[in-house]
Amino acid sequence: MGRYRLHPDRSQEQVLTRWGHAARTPWNIALEQRTYVFEQRGDCVPRSLGSPESRPGNQTGVLTSRTN
């Protein structure tokens, strides 16, 4: 993957800044959840859990709950 340098004008810069702030919240929530699970279980949460299509046996795209 290559790197690109952006040179946005002021209005584009404001939009990009808002997008960055909007993306930070769900990222931090997901990170907090992963950290919590790691501290509780001592194990990592597979990244594939967030993608219904990648779960075995789940062809409908609907998340299923697991009980242990």
PDB file of N, CA and C in Angstrom:
ATOM      1  N   MET A   1       0.847  -1.165   0.000  1.00  0.00           N
ATOM      2  CA  MET A   1       0.000   0.000   0.000  1.00  0.00           C
ATOM      3  C   MET A   1       0.897   1.234   0.000  1.00  0.00           C
ATOM      4  N   GLY A   2       0.599   2.164  -0.848  1.00  0.00           N
ATOM      5  CA  GLY A   2       1.387   3.380  -0.934  1.00  0.00           C
ATOM      6  C   GLY A   2       0.918   4.430   0.063  1.00  0.00           C
ATOM      7  N   ARG A   3       1.741   5.420   0.208  1.00  0.00           N
ATOM      8  CA  ARG A   3       1.380   6.539   1.084  1.00  0.00           C
ATOM      9  C   ARG A   3       1.057   7.747   0.227  1.00  0.00           C
ATOM     10  N   TYR A   4       0.102   8.515   0.679  1.00  0.00           N
ATOM     11  CA  TYR A   4      -0.310   9.703  -0.052  1.00  0.00           C
ATOM     12  C   TYR A   4      -0.318  10.879   0.904  1.00  0.00           C
ATOM     13  N   ARG A   5       0.042  12.021   0.409  1.00  0.00           N
ATOM     14  CA  ARG A   5       0.005  13.239   1.207  1.00  0.00           C
ATOM     15  C   ARG A   5      -1.154  14.086   0.702  1.00  0.00           C
ATOM     16  N   LEU A   6      -1.993  14.513   1.632  1.00  0.00           N
ATOM     17  CA  LEU A   6      -3.133  15.353   1.281  1.00  0.00           C
ATOM     18  C   LEU A   6      -2.796  16.810   1.550  1.00  0.00           C
ATOM     19  N   HIS A   7      -3.333  17.674   0.723  1.00  0.00           N
ATOM     20  CA  HIS A   7      -3.190  19.110   0.924  1.00  0.00           C
ATOM     21  C   HIS A   7      -4.584  19.729   0.843  1.00  0.00           C
ATOM     22  N   PRO A   8      -5.416  19.486   1.892  1.00  0.00           N
ATOM     23  CA  PRO A   8      -6.795  19.982   1.852  1.00  0.00           C
ATOM     24  C   PRO A   8      -6.852  21.492   2.073  1.00  0.00           C
ATOM     25  N   ASP A   9      -7.883  22.092   1.480  1.00  0.00           N
ATOM     26  CA  ASP A   9      -8.110  23.504   1.797  1.00  0.00           C
ATOM     27  C   ASP A   9      -8.783  23.576   3.173  1.00  0.00           C
ATOM     28  N   ARG A  10      -9.070  24.755   3.649  1.00  0.00           N
ATOM     29  CA  ARG A  10      -9.580  24.922   5.015  1.00  0.00           C
ATOM     30  C   ARG A  10     -10.902  24.181   5.245  1.00  0.00           C
ATOM     31  N   SER A  11     -11.828  24.261   4.308  1.00  0.00           N
ATOM     32  CA  SER A  11     -13.125  23.589   4.514  1.00  0.00           C
ATOM     33  C   SER A  11     -12.952  22.063   4.492  1.00  0.00           C
ATOM     34  N   GLN A  12     -12.106  21.555   3.607  1.00  0.00           N
ATOM     35  CA  GLN A  12     -11.849  20.110   3.573  1.00  0.00           C
ATOM     36  C   GLN A  12     -11.156  19.661   4.854  1.00  0.00           C
ATOM     37  N   GLU A  13     -10.267  20.492   5.359  1.00  0.00           N
ATOM     38  CA  GLU A  13      -9.563  20.173   6.606  1.00  0.00           C
ATOM     39  C   GLU A  13     -10.546  20.059   7.767  1.00  0.00           C
ATOM     40  N   GLN A  14     -11.545  20.941   7.790  1.00  0.00           N
ATOM     41  CA  GLN A  14     -12.549  20.891   8.852  1.00  0.00           C
ATOM     42  C   GLN A  14     -13.370  19.605   8.762  1.00  0.00           C
ATOM     43  N   VAL A  15     -13.734  19.199   7.551  1.00  0.00           N
ATOM     44  CA  VAL A  15     -14.492  17.961   7.366  1.00  0.00           C
ATOM     45  C   VAL A  15     -13.652  16.764   7.800  1.00  0.00           C
ATOM     46  N   LEU A  16     -12.398  16.716   7.381  1.00  0.00           N
ATOM     47  CA  LEU A  16     -11.523  15.608   7.764  1.00  0.00           C
ATOM     48  C   LEU A  16     -11.330  15.549   9.273  1.00  0.00           C
ATOM     49  N   THR A  17     -11.236  16.698   9.912  1.00  0.00           N
ATOM     50  CA  THR A  17     -11.089  16.742  11.367  1.00  0.00           C
ATOM     51  C   THR A  17     -12.344  16.187  12.044  1.00  0.00           C
ATOM     52  N   ARG A  18     -13.534  16.567  11.546  1.00  0.00           N
ATOM     53  CA  ARG A  18     -14.782  16.034  12.118  1.00  0.00           C
ATOM     54  C   ARG A  18     -14.855  14.525  11.940  1.00  0.00           C
ATOM     55  N   TRP A  19     -14.469  14.024  10.769  1.00  0.00           N
ATOM     56  CA  TRP A  19     -14.468  12.581  10.527  1.00  0.00           C
ATOM     57  C   TRP A  19     -13.522  11.872  11.484  1.00  0.00           C
ATOM     58  N   GLY A  20     -12.366  12.475  11.697  1.00  0.00           N
ATOM     59  CA  GLY A  20     -11.407  11.882  12.624  1.00  0.00           C
ATOM     60  C   GLY A  20     -11.959  11.803  14.034  1.00  0.00           C
ATOM     61  N   HIS A  21     -12.618  12.865  14.466  1.00  0.00           N
ATOM     62  CA  HIS A  21     -13.210  12.862  15.807  1.00  0.00           C
ATOM     63  C   HIS A  21     -14.347  11.846  15.899  1.00  0.00           C
ATOM     64  N   ALA A  22     -15.150  11.735  14.837  1.00  0.00           N
ATOM     65  CA  ALA A  22     -16.270  10.786  14.840  1.00  0.00           C
ATOM     66  C   ALA A  22     -15.764   9.345  14.853  1.00  0.00           C
ATOM     67  N   ALA A  23     -14.668   9.070  14.185  1.00  0.00           N
ATOM     68  CA  ALA A  23     -14.129   7.714  14.134  1.00  0.00           C
ATOM     69  C   ALA A  23     -13.422   7.329  15.429  1.00  0.00           C
ATOM     70  N   ARG A  24     -12.921   8.305  16.147  1.00  0.00           N
ATOM     71  CA  ARG A  24     -12.169   8.023  17.369  1.00  0.00           C
ATOM     72  C   ARG A  24     -13.046   7.388  18.442  1.00  0.00           C
ATOM     73  N   THR A  25     -14.290   7.813  18.558  1.00  0.00           N
ATOM     74  CA  THR A  25     -15.171   7.292  19.606  1.00  0.00           C
ATOM     75  C   THR A  25     -15.416   5.790  19.473  1.00  0.00           C
ATOM     76  N   PRO A  26     -15.898   5.292  18.315  1.00  0.00           N
ATOM     77  CA  PRO A  26     -16.099   3.838  18.235  1.00  0.00           C
ATOM     78  C   PRO A  26     -14.784   3.058  18.333  1.00  0.00           C
ATOM     79  N   TRP A  27     -13.700   3.633  17.814  1.00  0.00           N
ATOM     80  CA  TRP A  27     -12.394   2.958  17.928  1.00  0.00           C
ATOM     81  C   TRP A  27     -12.029   2.778  19.395  1.00  0.00           C
ATOM     82  N   ASN A  28     -12.166   3.845  20.186  1.00  0.00           N
ATOM     83  CA  ASN A  28     -11.812   3.769  21.605  1.00  0.00           C
ATOM     84  C   ASN A  28     -12.724   2.826  22.375  1.00  0.00           C
ATOM     85  N   ILE A  29     -14.011   2.777  22.006  1.00  0.00           N
ATOM     86  CA  ILE A  29     -14.934   1.850  22.661  1.00  0.00           C
ATOM     87  C   ILE A  29     -14.526   0.410  22.354  1.00  0.00           C
ATOM     88  N   ALA A  30     -14.218   0.134  21.085  1.00  0.00           N
ATOM     89  CA  ALA A  30     -13.792  -1.218  20.706  1.00  0.00           C
ATOM     90  C   ALA A  30     -12.494  -1.594  21.408  1.00  0.00           C
ATOM     91  N   LEU A  31     -11.563  -0.664  21.491  1.00  0.00           N
ATOM     92  CA  LEU A  31     -10.301  -0.923  22.177  1.00  0.00           C
ATOM     93  C   LEU A  31     -10.536  -1.214  23.656  1.00  0.00           C
ATOM     94  N   GLU A  32     -11.424  -0.454  24.277  1.00  0.00           N
ATOM     95  CA  GLU A  32     -11.742  -0.673  25.691  1.00  0.00           C
ATOM     96  C   GLU A  32     -12.354  -2.067  25.895  1.00  0.00           C
ATOM     97  N   GLN A  33     -13.241  -2.484  24.991  1.00  0.00           N
ATOM     98  CA  GLN A  33     -13.851  -3.804  25.095  1.00  0.00           C
ATOM     99  C   GLN A  33     -12.814  -4.906  24.932  1.00  0.00           C
ATOM    100  N   ARG A  34     -11.934  -4.755  23.959  1.00  0.00           N
ATOM    101  CA  ARG A  34     -10.892  -5.762  23.742  1.00  0.00           C
ATOM    102  C   ARG A  34      -9.961  -5.847  24.949  1.00  0.00           C
ATOM    103  N   THR A  35      -9.614  -4.699  25.521  1.00  0.00           N
ATOM    104  CA  THR A  35      -8.747  -4.677  26.696  1.00  0.00           C
ATOM    105  C   THR A  35      -9.432  -5.362  27.869  1.00  0.00           C
ATOM    106  N   TYR A  36     -10.721  -5.082  28.070  1.00  0.00           N
ATOM    107  CA  TYR A  36     -11.478  -5.692  29.159  1.00  0.00           C
ATOM    108  C   TYR A  36     -11.514  -7.214  29.009  1.00  0.00           C
ATOM    109  N   VAL A  37     -11.821  -7.686  27.791  1.00  0.00           N
ATOM    110  CA  VAL A  37     -11.888  -9.131  27.552  1.00  0.00           C
ATOM    111  C   VAL A  37     -10.523  -9.760  27.800  1.00  0.00           C
ATOM    112  N   PHE A  38      -9.471  -9.108  27.346  1.00  0.00           N
ATOM    113  CA  PHE A  38      -8.130  -9.642  27.560  1.00  0.00           C
ATOM    114  C   PHE A  38      -7.817  -9.741  29.057  1.00  0.00           C
ATOM    115  N   GLU A  39      -8.178  -8.701  29.815  1.00  0.00           N
ATOM    116  CA  GLU A  39      -7.913  -8.727  31.256  1.00  0.00           C
ATOM    117  C   GLU A  39      -8.745  -9.795  31.961  1.00  0.00           C
ATOM    118  N   GLN A  40      -9.980 -10.038  31.510  1.00  0.00           N
ATOM    119  CA  GLN A  40     -10.844 -11.024  32.145  1.00  0.00           C
ATOM    120  C   GLN A  40     -10.459 -12.452  31.772  1.00  0.00           C
ATOM    121  N   ARG A  41     -10.194 -12.679  30.488  1.00  0.00           N
ATOM    122  CA  ARG A  41      -9.928 -14.025  29.996  1.00  0.00           C
ATOM    123  C   ARG A  41      -8.440 -14.339  29.862  1.00  0.00           C
ATOM    124  N   GLY A  42      -7.633 -13.310  29.710  1.00  0.00           N
ATOM    125  CA  GLY A  42      -6.233 -13.530  29.416  1.00  0.00           C
ATOM    126  C   GLY A  42      -6.041 -13.984  27.981  1.00  0.00           C
ATOM    127  N   ASP A  43      -7.041 -13.704  27.151  1.00  0.00           N
ATOM    128  CA  ASP A  43      -7.021 -14.142  25.769  1.00  0.00           C
ATOM    129  C   ASP A  43      -7.510 -13.001  24.888  1.00  0.00           C
ATOM    130  N   CYS A  44      -7.072 -12.974  23.662  1.00  0.00           N
ATOM    131  CA  CYS A  44      -7.485 -11.939  22.719  1.00  0.00           C
ATOM    132  C   CYS A  44      -8.821 -12.288  22.085  1.00  0.00           C
ATOM    133  N   VAL A  45      -9.565 -11.269  21.710  1.00  0.00           N
ATOM    134  CA  VAL A  45     -10.808 -11.449  20.982  1.00  0.00           C
ATOM    135  C   VAL A  45     -10.450 -11.493  19.504  1.00  0.00           C
ATOM    136  N   PRO A  46     -10.850 -12.533  18.792  1.00  0.00           N
ATOM    137  CA  PRO A  46     -10.550 -12.582  17.355  1.00  0.00           C
ATOM    138  C   PRO A  46     -11.202 -11.412  16.626  1.00  0.00           C
ATOM    139  N   ARG A  47     -10.483 -10.798  15.736  1.00  0.00           N
ATOM    140  CA  ARG A  47     -11.024  -9.668  14.978  1.00  0.00           C
ATOM    141  C   ARG A  47     -12.201 -10.090  14.112  1.00  0.00           C
ATOM    142  N   SER A  48     -12.267 -11.362  13.757  1.00  0.00           N
ATOM    143  CA  SER A  48     -13.332 -11.831  12.875  1.00  0.00           C
ATOM    144  C   SER A  48     -14.705 -11.817  13.542  1.00  0.00           C
ATOM    145  N   LEU A  49     -14.770 -11.678  14.861  1.00  0.00           N
ATOM    146  CA  LEU A  49     -16.077 -11.669  15.536  1.00  0.00           C
ATOM    147  C   LEU A  49     -16.921 -10.489  15.118  1.00  0.00           C
ATOM    148  N   GLY A  50     -16.306  -9.413  14.692  1.00  0.00           N
ATOM    149  CA  GLY A  50     -17.062  -8.240  14.276  1.00  0.00           C
ATOM    150  C   GLY A  50     -17.666  -8.379  12.895  1.00  0.00           C
ATOM    151  N   SER A  51     -17.293  -9.409  12.156  1.00  0.00           N
ATOM    152  CA  SER A  51     -17.771  -9.591  10.799  1.00  0.00           C
ATOM    153  C   SER A  51     -18.658 -10.822  10.729  1.00  0.00           C
ATOM    154  N   PRO A  52     -19.974 -10.638  10.633  1.00  0.00           N
ATOM    155  CA  PRO A  52     -20.883 -11.789  10.615  1.00  0.00           C
ATOM    156  C   PRO A  52     -20.586 -12.757   9.480  1.00  0.00           C
ATOM    157  N   GLU A  53     -20.133 -12.247   8.339  1.00  0.00           N
ATOM    158  CA  GLU A  53     -19.875 -13.104   7.187  1.00  0.00           C
ATOM    159  C   GLU A  53     -18.731 -14.069   7.459  1.00  0.00           C
ATOM    160  N   SER A  54     -17.819 -13.697   8.343  1.00  0.00           N
ATOM    161  CA  SER A  54     -16.637 -14.526   8.574  1.00  0.00           C
ATOM    162  C   SER A  54     -16.869 -15.600   9.631  1.00  0.00           C
ATOM    163  N   ARG A  55     -18.036 -15.601  10.261  1.00  0.00           N
ATOM    164  CA  ARG A  55     -18.301 -16.606  11.283  1.00  0.00           C
ATOM    165  C   ARG A  55     -18.754 -17.901  10.636  1.00  0.00           C
ATOM    166  N   PRO A  56     -18.158 -19.011  11.024  1.00  0.00           N
ATOM    167  CA  PRO A  56     -18.535 -20.299  10.427  1.00  0.00           C
ATOM    168  C   PRO A  56     -19.999 -20.625  10.682  1.00  0.00           C
ATOM    169  N   GLY A  57     -20.668 -21.117   9.660  1.00  0.00           N
ATOM    170  CA  GLY A  57     -22.054 -21.537   9.807  1.00  0.00           C
ATOM    171  C   GLY A  57     -23.053 -20.404   9.842  1.00  0.00           C
ATOM    172  N   ASN A  58     -22.619 -19.175   9.675  1.00  0.00           N
ATOM    173  CA  ASN A  58     -23.528 -18.035   9.732  1.00  0.00           C
ATOM    174  C   ASN A  58     -23.640 -17.430   8.338  1.00  0.00           C
ATOM    175  N   GLN A  59     -24.478 -18.022   7.521  1.00  0.00           N
ATOM    176  CA  GLN A  59     -24.617 -17.568   6.142  1.00  0.00           C
ATOM    177  C   GLN A  59     -25.649 -16.457   5.996  1.00  0.00           C
ATOM    178  N   THR A  60     -26.421 -16.184   7.044  1.00  0.00           N
ATOM    179  CA  THR A  60     -27.480 -15.190   6.934  1.00  0.00           C
ATOM    180  C   THR A  60     -26.981 -13.773   7.183  1.00  0.00           C
ATOM    181  N   GLY A  61     -25.784 -13.636   7.751  1.00  0.00           N
ATOM    182  CA  GLY A  61     -25.275 -12.314   8.069  1.00  0.00           C
ATOM    183  C   GLY A  61     -25.808 -11.776   9.379  1.00  0.00           C
ATOM    184  N   VAL A  62     -26.499 -12.625  10.157  1.00  0.00           N
ATOM    185  CA  VAL A  62     -27.050 -12.220  11.438  1.00  0.00           C
ATOM    186  C   VAL A  62     -26.147 -12.760  12.538  1.00  0.00           C
ATOM    187  N   LEU A  63     -25.790 -11.903  13.465  1.00  0.00           N
ATOM    188  CA  LEU A  63     -24.957 -12.351  14.569  1.00  0.00           C
ATOM    189  C   LEU A  63     -25.729 -13.309  15.459  1.00  0.00           C
ATOM    190  N   THR A  64     -25.070 -14.335  15.891  1.00  0.00           N
ATOM    191  CA  THR A  64     -25.694 -15.296  16.798  1.00  0.00           C
ATOM    192  C   THR A  64     -25.000 -15.199  18.140  1.00  0.00           C
ATOM    193  N   SER A  65     -25.729 -15.459  19.208  1.00  0.00           N
ATOM    194  CA  SER A  65     -25.122 -15.410  20.536  1.00  0.00           C
ATOM    195  C   SER A  65     -24.651 -16.792  20.929  1.00  0.00           C
ATOM    196  N   ARG A  66     -23.563 -16.808  21.678  1.00  0.00           N
ATOM    197  CA  ARG A  66     -23.028 -18.074  22.179  1.00  0.00           C
ATOM    198  C   ARG A  66     -23.109 -18.064  23.693  1.00  0.00           C
ATOM    199  N   THR A  67     -23.521 -19.178  24.250  1.00  0.00           N
ATOM    200  CA  THR A  67     -23.548 -19.301  25.708  1.00  0.00           C
ATOM    201  C   THR A  67     -22.610 -20.401  26.119  1.00  0.00           C
ATOM    202  N   ASN A  68     -21.851 -20.159  27.148  1.00  0.00           N
ATOM    203  CA  ASN A  68     -20.904 -21.164  27.643  1.00  0.00           C
ATOM    204  C   ASN A  68     -21.343 -21.666  28.993  1.00  0.00           C
TER     205      ASN A  68
END
